[in-house]
């Protein structure tokens, strides 16, 4: 058993229920996956929100531009604090083959505050590996596990089995 896992057990990682799912969702896809993860783990959940509206075609275009350029964005304050949790599971949609600018900003603002992290993403094309690498870099934390859910998996609920395996893998690490 690794020192990291022993430390997690010694700190009551799972028994204390100190798990947070935090995510950004422009269309609702990432929210669906976040809710399934939180339901499986019986943990806290909070949505990252921006003051700006990214709805419609103009929102879509600005989202792609901002992500592709690696730009940060303004965020609304979250009620829950990263440092208060033993594990934070961060979710992002893929925009322009990388993580969304709201999640990039969240990771940067919380660098050094993560005790442990896991990442998930939703996407229609490509970019999950790049997004996870950027999340790791911006947050300064290597994920315990990652989950990719394609947009086409959402309507038929096939993503729920992937979510179960992801959450089980996190439980098994403790």
Protein backbone atom coordinates (compact mmCIF):
# COMPACT_ATOMS: atom_id res chain seq x y z
CA UNK A 1 0.00 0.00 0.00
CA UNK A 2 1.43 3.39 -1.00
CA UNK A 3 2.18 6.14 1.50
CA UNK A 4 -0.45 8.27 -0.26
CA UNK A 5 -3.15 5.65 0.33
CA UNK A 6 -2.08 5.13 3.96
CA UNK A 7 -2.30 8.88 4.46
CA UNK A 8 -5.79 8.93 2.97
CA UNK A 9 -6.93 6.17 5.32
CA UNK A 10 -5.28 7.78 8.34
CA UNK A 11 -7.11 11.01 7.62
CA UNK A 12 -10.48 9.24 7.39
CA UNK A 13 -10.65 10.15 3.71
CA UNK A 14 -13.86 8.31 2.83
CA UNK A 15 -15.43 7.93 6.23
CA UNK A 16 -15.42 11.68 6.86
CA UNK A 17 -17.35 12.29 3.64
CA UNK A 18 -15.02 15.10 2.65
CA UNK A 19 -15.57 14.82 -1.09
CA UNK A 20 -16.65 17.60 -3.44
CA UNK A 21 -17.66 17.41 -7.08
CA UNK A 22 -17.13 20.81 -8.70
CA UNK A 23 -17.89 21.39 -12.37
CA UNK A 24 -18.73 23.83 -15.13
CA UNK A 25 -21.44 23.08 -17.68
CA UNK A 26 -22.54 25.31 -20.56
CA UNK A 27 -25.09 22.92 -22.08
CA UNK A 28 -25.95 20.61 -19.19
CA UNK A 29 -23.93 17.57 -20.31
CA UNK A 30 -21.18 17.98 -17.72
CA UNK A 31 -23.82 18.68 -15.07
CA UNK A 32 -25.49 15.31 -15.77
CA UNK A 33 -22.21 13.47 -15.26
CA UNK A 34 -21.35 15.52 -12.15
CA UNK A 35 -24.72 14.70 -10.60
CA UNK A 36 -24.25 10.98 -11.30
CA UNK A 37 -20.81 11.05 -9.66
CA UNK A 38 -22.09 12.94 -6.62
CA UNK A 39 -25.04 10.55 -6.33
CA UNK A 40 -22.76 7.49 -6.44
CA UNK A 41 -20.42 8.93 -3.81
CA UNK A 42 -23.13 10.62 -1.70
CA UNK A 43 -21.00 13.77 -1.59
CA UNK A 44 -21.22 17.53 -1.97
CA UNK A 45 -21.57 19.12 -5.39
CA UNK A 46 -21.18 22.68 -6.64
CA UNK A 47 -21.34 24.28 -10.06
CA UNK A 48 -18.73 26.78 -11.23
CA UNK A 49 -20.54 29.80 -12.66
CA UNK A 50 -19.57 32.87 -14.62
CA UNK A 51 -21.30 36.24 -14.49
CA UNK A 52 -21.36 36.25 -18.32
CA UNK A 53 -23.85 34.34 -20.44
CA UNK A 54 -22.38 31.80 -22.87
CA UNK A 55 -25.72 30.71 -24.35
CA UNK A 56 -26.36 30.56 -28.07
CA UNK A 57 -24.00 30.78 -31.01
CA UNK A 58 -22.12 33.82 -29.67
CA UNK A 59 -21.57 32.06 -26.35
CA UNK A 60 -20.34 28.98 -28.18
CA UNK A 61 -17.91 31.00 -30.29
CA UNK A 62 -16.55 32.98 -27.34
CA UNK A 63 -16.16 29.76 -25.34
CA UNK A 64 -14.06 28.18 -28.08
CA UNK A 65 -11.93 31.29 -28.51
CA UNK A 66 -11.30 31.71 -24.77
CA UNK A 67 -10.39 28.05 -24.28
CA UNK A 68 -8.22 27.88 -27.38
CA UNK A 69 -6.28 30.95 -26.25
CA UNK A 70 -5.92 29.59 -22.70
CA UNK A 71 -7.63 32.66 -21.27
CA UNK A 72 -8.96 32.95 -17.74
CA UNK A 73 -12.43 34.27 -17.02
CA UNK A 74 -14.27 35.89 -14.16
CA UNK A 75 -16.07 33.45 -11.84
CA UNK A 76 -18.81 33.82 -9.28
CA UNK A 77 -17.73 32.89 -5.75
CA UNK A 78 -18.29 29.29 -4.70
CA UNK A 79 -19.90 28.45 -1.37
CA UNK A 80 -17.61 25.48 -0.79
CA UNK A 81 -13.83 25.75 -0.41
CA UNK A 82 -11.41 23.32 -2.06
CA UNK A 83 -9.13 23.24 0.99
CA UNK A 84 -11.99 21.91 3.15
CA UNK A 85 -12.17 18.64 1.19
CA UNK A 86 -9.94 15.57 1.12
CA UNK A 87 -10.89 14.86 -2.50
CA UNK A 88 -12.15 17.31 -5.11
CA UNK A 89 -13.48 15.85 -8.35
CA UNK A 90 -13.32 18.51 -11.07
CA UNK A 91 -15.39 18.33 -14.27
CA UNK A 92 -15.12 20.28 -17.50
CA UNK A 93 -16.56 20.26 -20.98
CA UNK A 94 -13.97 20.15 -23.75
CA UNK A 95 -13.81 23.41 -25.69
CA UNK A 96 -11.41 23.76 -28.64
CA UNK A 97 -9.67 20.50 -27.72
CA UNK A 98 -8.89 21.58 -24.13
CA UNK A 99 -10.53 22.42 -20.82
CA UNK A 100 -13.08 25.21 -20.53
CA UNK A 101 -11.86 28.63 -19.43
CA UNK A 102 -14.05 28.60 -16.26
CA UNK A 103 -12.43 25.33 -15.12
CA UNK A 104 -8.97 26.61 -16.10
CA UNK A 105 -9.58 29.66 -13.91
CA UNK A 106 -10.89 27.52 -11.05
CA UNK A 107 -7.83 25.26 -11.18
CA UNK A 108 -5.48 28.26 -11.18
CA UNK A 109 -7.28 29.94 -8.28
CA UNK A 110 -7.08 26.73 -6.23
CA UNK A 111 -3.51 25.72 -7.02
CA UNK A 112 -1.91 24.42 -3.83
CA UNK A 113 -5.29 23.95 -2.11
CA UNK A 114 -6.09 20.47 -3.45
CA UNK A 115 -5.33 17.58 -1.09
CA UNK A 116 -6.35 15.03 -3.73
CA UNK A 117 -8.12 15.38 -7.05
CA UNK A 118 -9.81 13.41 -9.80
CA UNK A 119 -10.90 14.81 -13.16
CA UNK A 120 -13.71 14.16 -15.61
CA UNK A 121 -14.74 15.68 -18.91
CA UNK A 122 -17.54 15.60 -21.45
CA UNK A 123 -16.89 16.09 -25.14
CA UNK A 124 -18.10 15.54 -28.65
CA UNK A 125 -14.77 15.40 -30.49
CA UNK A 126 -11.28 15.15 -29.04
CA UNK A 127 -9.13 16.77 -26.40
CA UNK A 128 -9.59 14.85 -23.17
CA UNK A 129 -5.90 13.99 -22.72
CA UNK A 130 -4.87 17.59 -23.33
CA UNK A 131 -7.57 18.85 -20.97
CA UNK A 132 -6.47 16.52 -18.17
CA UNK A 133 -2.83 17.54 -18.66
CA UNK A 134 -3.82 21.22 -18.49
CA UNK A 135 -5.92 20.61 -15.37
CA UNK A 136 -2.97 18.89 -13.71
CA UNK A 137 -0.64 21.75 -14.67
CA UNK A 138 -2.97 24.61 -13.71
CA UNK A 139 -4.07 22.98 -10.44
CA UNK A 140 -0.66 21.64 -9.48
CA UNK A 141 -2.13 18.22 -8.68
CA UNK A 142 -1.95 14.79 -10.31
CA UNK A 143 -5.39 13.15 -10.49
CA UNK A 144 -6.10 9.88 -8.70
CA UNK A 145 -8.39 8.95 -11.61
CA UNK A 146 -9.90 10.42 -14.78
CA UNK A 147 -13.18 9.87 -16.62
CA UNK A 148 -14.09 10.75 -20.21
CA UNK A 149 -17.72 10.80 -21.33
CA UNK A 150 -18.59 11.37 -24.97
CA UNK A 151 -21.68 13.37 -25.80
CA UNK A 152 -23.14 10.41 -27.73
CA UNK A 153 -23.10 8.28 -24.53
CA UNK A 154 -25.47 10.60 -22.67
CA UNK A 155 -28.83 9.91 -24.40
CA UNK A 156 -28.69 6.12 -23.95
CA UNK A 157 -27.33 6.34 -20.37
CA UNK A 158 -24.29 4.19 -21.21
CA UNK A 159 -22.16 6.75 -19.36
CA UNK A 160 -23.62 5.59 -16.03
CA UNK A 161 -21.56 2.39 -16.11
CA UNK A 162 -18.42 4.45 -16.75
CA UNK A 163 -19.34 6.70 -13.82
CA UNK A 164 -19.80 3.65 -11.58
CA UNK A 165 -16.38 2.28 -12.53
CA UNK A 166 -14.81 5.72 -11.97
CA UNK A 167 -16.34 6.14 -8.52
CA UNK A 168 -15.51 2.54 -7.59
CA UNK A 169 -11.89 3.15 -8.59
CA UNK A 170 -11.79 6.15 -6.27
CA UNK A 171 -13.25 4.11 -3.43
CA UNK A 172 -10.67 1.38 -4.05
CA UNK A 173 -7.83 3.88 -3.76
CA UNK A 174 -8.86 4.52 -0.16
